[in-house]
Amino acid sequence: MDAWPDVARWRKAERARLIDERLLADPEERKARSERIAAELDLAIGKVSGRIVSVYWPFRGEPDLRNWAVRVIGRGGRIALPVVIKKAWPLEFRAWSPGDPLERGVWNILVPANGPAILPDVVIAPVVGFDGANYRLGYGGGFFDRTLAAMPKRPLVVGVGYAGSRIATIYPQPHDIPMDIIVTDE
């Protein structure tokens, strides 16, 4: 599969298949898997005190790391959430703590209602799918790749997803940026 139109069609179909699979999983099983991912994140990231860690508000069956984010704050870290500012622009990261006002952003995902942009030391990106070279299949908007390419200093980039989301390849293109590590529930 060499031509971008073929890759784009394949990615769209693969996204739909993988999202459908994870949405069919029992909610309690997804919760248990999210906790396993959180435990693995602690090992992968190490010390969080004094660091800004970007997580995400879960969407469409993604691993739910909100409890883990609160524990990061309890250990001296800060949490940032990604915010879509405009189509085809890099994401902006804004600080978040429990109780901070949130508003509905793009795709109805909750994001911090206000606050200045901050640069995270660690970016956790949810994956729809991933391959052995740590390339991430996302939702197709290119937001994380565009953001990583524009950041003045590359953070530690961690893809998170369910082990069943591993595929042979995403057919990476020149604009795709691999994650430093992928953390799953296995």
C-alpha atoms as a PDB file:
ATOM      1  CA  MET A   1       0.000   0.000   0.000  1.00  0.00           C
ATOM      2  CA  ASP A   2       1.979   2.951  -1.270  1.00  0.00           C
ATOM      3  CA  ALA A   3      -0.440   5.639  -2.352  1.00  0.00           C
ATOM      4  CA  TRP A   4      -1.725   7.999   0.341  1.00  0.00           C
ATOM      5  CA  PRO A   5      -5.390   7.670  -0.790  1.00  0.00           C
ATOM      6  CA  ASP A   6      -5.165   3.871  -0.291  1.00  0.00           C
ATOM      7  CA  VAL A   7      -3.523   4.308   3.134  1.00  0.00           C
ATOM      8  CA  ALA A   8      -6.114   6.896   4.148  1.00  0.00           C
ATOM      9  CA  ARG A   9      -8.999   4.580   3.177  1.00  0.00           C
ATOM     10  CA  TRP A  10      -7.394   1.664   5.022  1.00  0.00           C
ATOM     11  CA  ARG A  11      -6.761   3.797   8.138  1.00  0.00           C
ATOM     12  CA  LYS A  12     -10.377   4.987   8.181  1.00  0.00           C
ATOM     13  CA  ALA A  13     -11.675   1.411   8.048  1.00  0.00           C
ATOM     14  CA  GLU A  14      -9.153   0.225  10.647  1.00  0.00           C
ATOM     15  CA  ARG A  15     -10.089   3.084  12.999  1.00  0.00           C
ATOM     16  CA  ALA A  16     -13.765   2.168  12.763  1.00  0.00           C
ATOM     17  CA  ARG A  17     -13.011  -1.512  13.450  1.00  0.00           C
ATOM     18  CA  LEU A  18     -10.779  -0.826  16.447  1.00  0.00           C
ATOM     19  CA  ILE A  19     -13.122   1.751  18.012  1.00  0.00           C
ATOM     20  CA  ASP A  20     -16.084  -0.606  17.584  1.00  0.00           C
ATOM     21  CA  GLU A  21     -14.084  -3.388  19.278  1.00  0.00           C
ATOM     22  CA  ARG A  22     -13.211  -1.315  22.324  1.00  0.00           C
ATOM     23  CA  LEU A  23     -16.750   0.053  22.667  1.00  0.00           C
ATOM     24  CA  LEU A  24     -18.060  -3.523  22.779  1.00  0.00           C
ATOM     25  CA  ALA A  25     -15.851  -4.329  25.787  1.00  0.00           C
ATOM     26  CA  ASP A  26     -17.601  -4.532  29.152  1.00  0.00           C
ATOM     27  CA  PRO A  27     -17.283  -1.181  31.004  1.00  0.00           C
ATOM     28  CA  GLU A  28     -15.965  -2.933  34.130  1.00  0.00           C
ATOM     29  CA  GLU A  29     -13.329  -4.713  32.046  1.00  0.00           C
ATOM     30  CA  ARG A  30     -12.301  -1.381  30.473  1.00  0.00           C
ATOM     31  CA  LYS A  31     -12.007   0.073  33.987  1.00  0.00           C
ATOM     32  CA  ALA A  32      -9.747  -2.811  35.098  1.00  0.00           C
ATOM     33  CA  ARG A  33      -7.636  -2.441  31.960  1.00  0.00           C
ATOM     34  CA  SER A  34      -7.319   1.316  32.603  1.00  0.00           C
ATOM     35  CA  GLU A  35      -5.971   0.605  36.098  1.00  0.00           C
ATOM     36  CA  ARG A  36      -3.396  -1.823  34.652  1.00  0.00           C
ATOM     37  CA  ILE A  37      -2.341   0.855  32.160  1.00  0.00           C
ATOM     38  CA  ALA A  38      -2.043   3.376  35.018  1.00  0.00           C
ATOM     39  CA  ALA A  39       0.256   1.017  36.952  1.00  0.00           C
ATOM     40  CA  GLU A  40       2.429   0.571  33.860  1.00  0.00           C
ATOM     41  CA  LEU A  41       2.543   4.346  33.337  1.00  0.00           C
ATOM     42  CA  ASP A  42       4.009   4.775  36.814  1.00  0.00           C
ATOM     43  CA  LEU A  43       6.837   2.428  35.817  1.00  0.00           C
ATOM     44  CA  ALA A  44       7.339   3.977  32.370  1.00  0.00           C
ATOM     45  CA  ILE A  45       7.362   7.616  33.486  1.00  0.00           C
ATOM     46  CA  GLY A  46       8.972   7.312  36.890  1.00  0.00           C
ATOM     47  CA  LYS A  47       9.157  10.380  39.112  1.00  0.00           C
ATOM     48  CA  VAL A  48       6.417  12.923  38.395  1.00  0.00           C
ATOM     49  CA  SER A  49       7.161  15.451  41.127  1.00  0.00           C
ATOM     50  CA  GLY A  50       7.846  18.836  39.541  1.00  0.00           C
ATOM     51  CA  ARG A  51       6.834  17.624  36.079  1.00  0.00           C
ATOM     52  CA  ILE A  52       3.875  18.577  33.897  1.00  0.00           C
ATOM     53  CA  VAL A  53       2.106  15.508  32.549  1.00  0.00           C
ATOM     54  CA  SER A  54      -0.473  15.890  29.798  1.00  0.00           C
ATOM     55  CA  VAL A  55      -3.273  13.337  29.875  1.00  0.00           C
ATOM     56  CA  TYR A  56      -6.621  13.466  28.088  1.00  0.00           C
ATOM     57  CA  TRP A  57     -10.305  13.313  28.973  1.00  0.00           C
ATOM     58  CA  PRO A  58     -11.477   9.825  27.885  1.00  0.00           C
ATOM     59  CA  PHE A  59     -13.590   9.540  24.768  1.00  0.00           C
ATOM     60  CA  ARG A  60     -15.163   6.625  22.860  1.00  0.00           C
ATOM     61  CA  GLY A  61     -13.950   3.840  25.147  1.00  0.00           C
ATOM     62  CA  GLU A  62     -10.374   5.107  25.593  1.00  0.00           C
ATOM     63  CA  PRO A  63      -8.508   4.086  28.747  1.00  0.00           C
ATOM     64  CA  ASP A  64      -9.715   6.311  31.589  1.00  0.00           C
ATOM     65  CA  LEU A  65      -6.688   7.779  33.373  1.00  0.00           C
ATOM     66  CA  ARG A  66      -8.477  10.465  35.397  1.00  0.00           C
ATOM     67  CA  ASN A  67      -7.901   8.722  38.762  1.00  0.00           C
ATOM     68  CA  TRP A  68      -4.256   8.220  37.844  1.00  0.00           C
ATOM     69  CA  ALA A  69      -3.985  11.942  36.987  1.00  0.00           C
ATOM     70  CA  VAL A  70      -5.273  12.850  40.458  1.00  0.00           C
ATOM     71  CA  ARG A  71      -2.620  10.548  41.963  1.00  0.00           C
ATOM     72  CA  VAL A  72       0.049  12.325  39.855  1.00  0.00           C
ATOM     73  CA  ILE A  73      -1.053  15.629  41.424  1.00  0.00           C
ATOM     74  CA  GLY A  74      -0.866  13.999  44.871  1.00  0.00           C
ATOM     75  CA  ARG A  75       2.761  13.038  44.148  1.00  0.00           C
ATOM     76  CA  GLY A  76       3.752  16.597  43.260  1.00  0.00           C
ATOM     77  CA  GLY A  77       3.154  16.573  39.514  1.00  0.00           C
ATOM     78  CA  ARG A  78       0.951  18.889  37.509  1.00  0.00           C
ATOM     79  CA  ILE A  79      -1.632  17.813  34.963  1.00  0.00           C
ATOM     80  CA  ALA A  80      -2.382  19.413  31.616  1.00  0.00           C
ATOM     81  CA  LEU A  81      -5.170  18.558  29.200  1.00  0.00           C
ATOM     82  CA  PRO A  82      -4.945  19.017  25.421  1.00  0.00           C
ATOM     83  CA  VAL A  83      -7.276  21.546  23.825  1.00  0.00           C
ATOM     84  CA  VAL A  84      -8.143  21.751  20.128  1.00  0.00           C
ATOM     85  CA  ILE A  85      -7.908  25.437  19.236  1.00  0.00           C
ATOM     86  CA  LYS A  86      -8.685  25.202  15.541  1.00  0.00           C
ATOM     87  CA  LYS A  87      -8.769  22.549  12.819  1.00  0.00           C
ATOM     88  CA  ALA A  88      -5.292  21.815  11.391  1.00  0.00           C
ATOM     89  CA  TRP A  89      -3.542  23.656  14.254  1.00  0.00           C
ATOM     90  CA  PRO A  90      -1.354  22.159  16.977  1.00  0.00           C
ATOM     91  CA  LEU A  91      -3.027  21.366  20.281  1.00  0.00           C
ATOM     92  CA  GLU A  92      -2.696  23.702  23.237  1.00  0.00           C
ATOM     93  CA  PHE A  93      -2.107  22.248  26.706  1.00  0.00           C
ATOM     94  CA  ARG A  94      -3.780  23.856  29.727  1.00  0.00           C
ATOM     95  CA  ALA A  95      -3.284  23.094  33.412  1.00  0.00           C
ATOM     96  CA  TRP A  96      -6.041  21.121  35.130  1.00  0.00           C
ATOM     97  CA  SER A  97      -6.779  20.102  38.722  1.00  0.00           C
ATOM     98  CA  PRO A  98      -9.948  18.487  40.096  1.00  0.00           C
ATOM     99  CA  GLY A  99     -12.606  21.159  40.526  1.00  0.00           C
ATOM    100  CA  ASP A 100     -11.266  23.446  37.796  1.00  0.00           C
ATOM    101  CA  PRO A 101     -13.997  24.612  35.403  1.00  0.00           C
ATOM    102  CA  LEU A 102     -14.311  22.548  32.252  1.00  0.00           C
ATOM    103  CA  GLU A 103     -16.202  23.223  29.038  1.00  0.00           C
ATOM    104  CA  ARG A 104     -17.185  21.129  26.039  1.00  0.00           C
ATOM    105  CA  GLY A 105     -14.598  21.322  23.295  1.00  0.00           C
ATOM    106  CA  VAL A 106     -14.312  19.679  19.887  1.00  0.00           C
ATOM    107  CA  TRP A 107     -16.123  16.305  19.720  1.00  0.00           C
ATOM    108  CA  ASN A 108     -17.840  17.280  22.986  1.00  0.00           C
ATOM    109  CA  ILE A 109     -14.698  16.386  24.997  1.00  0.00           C
ATOM    110  CA  LEU A 110     -14.255  18.248  28.287  1.00  0.00           C
ATOM    111  CA  VAL A 111     -11.313  20.676  28.326  1.00  0.00           C
ATOM    112  CA  PRO A 112     -10.133  23.368  30.770  1.00  0.00           C
ATOM    113  CA  ALA A 113     -12.360  26.405  30.343  1.00  0.00           C
ATOM    114  CA  ASN A 114      -9.497  28.877  30.636  1.00  0.00           C
ATOM    115  CA  GLY A 115      -5.886  29.327  31.529  1.00  0.00           C
ATOM    116  CA  PRO A 116      -2.655  29.937  29.677  1.00  0.00           C
ATOM    117  CA  ALA A 117      -0.978  27.384  27.448  1.00  0.00           C
ATOM    118  CA  ILE A 118       1.758  25.361  29.156  1.00  0.00           C
ATOM    119  CA  LEU A 119       4.364  22.951  27.804  1.00  0.00           C
ATOM    120  CA  PRO A 120       4.228  19.430  29.249  1.00  0.00           C
ATOM    121  CA  ASP A 121       7.281  17.353  30.098  1.00  0.00           C
ATOM    122  CA  VAL A 122       5.318  14.173  29.336  1.00  0.00           C
ATOM    123  CA  VAL A 123       2.568  13.813  26.733  1.00  0.00           C
ATOM    124  CA  ILE A 124       0.240  10.836  27.034  1.00  0.00           C
ATOM    125  CA  ALA A 125      -1.615  10.255  23.785  1.00  0.00           C
ATOM    126  CA  PRO A 126      -4.461   7.760  23.468  1.00  0.00           C
ATOM    127  CA  VAL A 127      -4.118   5.355  20.553  1.00  0.00           C
ATOM    128  CA  VAL A 128      -6.863   3.871  18.443  1.00  0.00           C
ATOM    129  CA  GLY A 129      -4.220   1.470  17.134  1.00  0.00           C
ATOM    130  CA  PHE A 130      -0.447   1.139  17.236  1.00  0.00           C
ATOM    131  CA  ASP A 131       2.317  -0.871  15.619  1.00  0.00           C
ATOM    132  CA  GLY A 132       5.637  -2.393  16.659  1.00  0.00           C
ATOM    133  CA  ALA A 133       7.552   0.733  15.615  1.00  0.00           C
ATOM    134  CA  ASN A 134       5.476   2.792  18.135  1.00  0.00           C
ATOM    135  CA  TYR A 135       3.515   4.594  15.452  1.00  0.00           C
ATOM    136  CA  ARG A 136       0.076   5.675  16.641  1.00  0.00           C
ATOM    137  CA  LEU A 137      -3.136   5.381  14.703  1.00  0.00           C
ATOM    138  CA  GLY A 138      -5.302   8.186  16.067  1.00  0.00           C
ATOM    139  CA  TYR A 139      -8.608   9.644  14.950  1.00  0.00           C
ATOM    140  CA  GLY A 140      -7.199  11.076  11.725  1.00  0.00           C
ATOM    141  CA  GLY A 141      -7.043  14.771  12.554  1.00  0.00           C
ATOM    142  CA  GLY A 142      -3.245  14.819  12.875  1.00  0.00           C
ATOM    143  CA  PHE A 143      -3.407  16.894  16.057  1.00  0.00           C
ATOM    144  CA  PHE A 144      -0.794  15.013  18.093  1.00  0.00           C
ATOM    145  CA  ASP A 145       1.674  14.712  15.182  1.00  0.00           C
ATOM    146  CA  ARG A 146       1.271  18.409  14.344  1.00  0.00           C
ATOM    147  CA  THR A 147       1.684  19.347  18.006  1.00  0.00           C
ATOM    148  CA  LEU A 148       4.816  17.250  18.541  1.00  0.00           C
ATOM    149  CA  ALA A 149       6.375  18.662  15.365  1.00  0.00           C
ATOM    150  CA  ALA A 150       5.741  22.230  16.573  1.00  0.00           C
ATOM    151  CA  MET A 151       6.923  21.883  20.191  1.00  0.00           C
ATOM    152  CA  PRO A 152      10.131  23.769  21.008  1.00  0.00           C
ATOM    153  CA  LYS A 153      11.379  20.870  23.159  1.00  0.00           C
ATOM    154  CA  ARG A 154      10.276  17.293  22.653  1.00  0.00           C
ATOM    155  CA  PRO A 155       8.609  15.823  25.729  1.00  0.00           C
ATOM    156  CA  LEU A 156       8.527  12.140  26.622  1.00  0.00           C
ATOM    157  CA  VAL A 157       5.678  10.885  24.409  1.00  0.00           C
ATOM    158  CA  VAL A 158       3.720   7.886  25.658  1.00  0.00           C
ATOM    159  CA  GLY A 159       0.974   6.243  23.644  1.00  0.00           C
ATOM    160  CA  VAL A 160      -1.630   4.393  25.711  1.00  0.00           C
ATOM    161  CA  GLY A 161      -4.186   1.860  24.570  1.00  0.00           C
ATOM    162  CA  TYR A 162      -5.462  -1.653  24.921  1.00  0.00           C
ATOM    163  CA  ALA A 163      -3.166  -4.504  23.884  1.00  0.00           C
ATOM    164  CA  GLY A 164      -5.800  -5.685  21.390  1.00  0.00           C
ATOM    165  CA  SER A 165      -5.265  -2.446  19.449  1.00  0.00           C
ATOM    166  CA  ARG A 166      -1.861  -3.585  18.194  1.00  0.00           C
ATOM    167  CA  ILE A 167      -1.758  -3.940  14.415  1.00  0.00           C
ATOM    168  CA  ALA A 168       1.028  -5.013  12.068  1.00  0.00           C
ATOM    169  CA  THR A 169       1.601  -1.475  10.734  1.00  0.00           C
ATOM    170  CA  ILE A 170      -0.189   1.850  10.446  1.00  0.00           C
ATOM    171  CA  TYR A 171       1.618   2.405   7.121  1.00  0.00           C
ATOM    172  CA  PRO A 172       3.477   5.432   8.544  1.00  0.00           C
ATOM    173  CA  GLN A 173       3.709   8.479   6.322  1.00  0.00           C
ATOM    174  CA  PRO A 174       6.308  11.293   6.484  1.00  0.00           C
ATOM    175  CA  HIS A 175       4.046  13.371   8.784  1.00  0.00           C
ATOM    176  CA  ASP A 176       3.611  10.541  11.335  1.00  0.00           C
ATOM    177  CA  ILE A 177       5.712  10.799  14.501  1.00  0.00           C
ATOM    178  CA  PRO A 178       6.332   7.650  16.564  1.00  0.00           C
ATOM    179  CA  MET A 179       5.688   7.580  20.293  1.00  0.00           C
ATOM    180  CA  ASP A 180       8.702   7.044  22.540  1.00  0.00           C
ATOM    181  CA  ILE A 181       6.879   4.153  24.209  1.00  0.00           C
ATOM    182  CA  ILE A 182       3.481   2.465  24.047  1.00  0.00           C
ATOM    183  CA  VAL A 183       1.864   1.379  27.343  1.00  0.00           C
ATOM    184  CA  THR A 184      -0.951  -1.157  27.294  1.00  0.00           C
ATOM    185  CA  ASP A 185      -2.925  -3.240  29.742  1.00  0.00           C
ATOM    186  CA  GLU A 186      -0.712  -6.319  29.154  1.00  0.00           C
END
